[in-house]
């Protein structure tokens, strides 16, 4: 159980940090307090794990026609969904969510890569090796 807890906490922390930094870069993103930031990061992780794959499957033809660029729209909708669910987290509009989702994805990837041990990011070393 503890093998899965550390990667989960690292991912949650990384998402929280990326959301916090996005709120400073984009004036249209606001958090009322720290608890709304932490809850938003948690719900964003669940939304990306549960809702996003369903949306990807439902919009697969559109995603293929746009050569994958529609996935950026889905990421923006995930942020808007979380902002509608969490009291204290506001996003001013679609375009703010669109560009913020790109910023958050890139920043989360960079932070995750810097924390990785060279194996698969967010997994314990035993999962990332080909033994």
Foldseek 3Di string as FASTA:
>chain_A
DVQQVVLVVVLLVLLLVLLVVLVVVFVQKWAQDSVLSSVLSVQLVVCCVPVLVVVCVVCVVVCVVVVNPCSLQSQLVSSVVSQVVGPRIGGNDSVSSSVSSVSSVVSSVVVQVVPDPPFPGSGPPVVRDDD
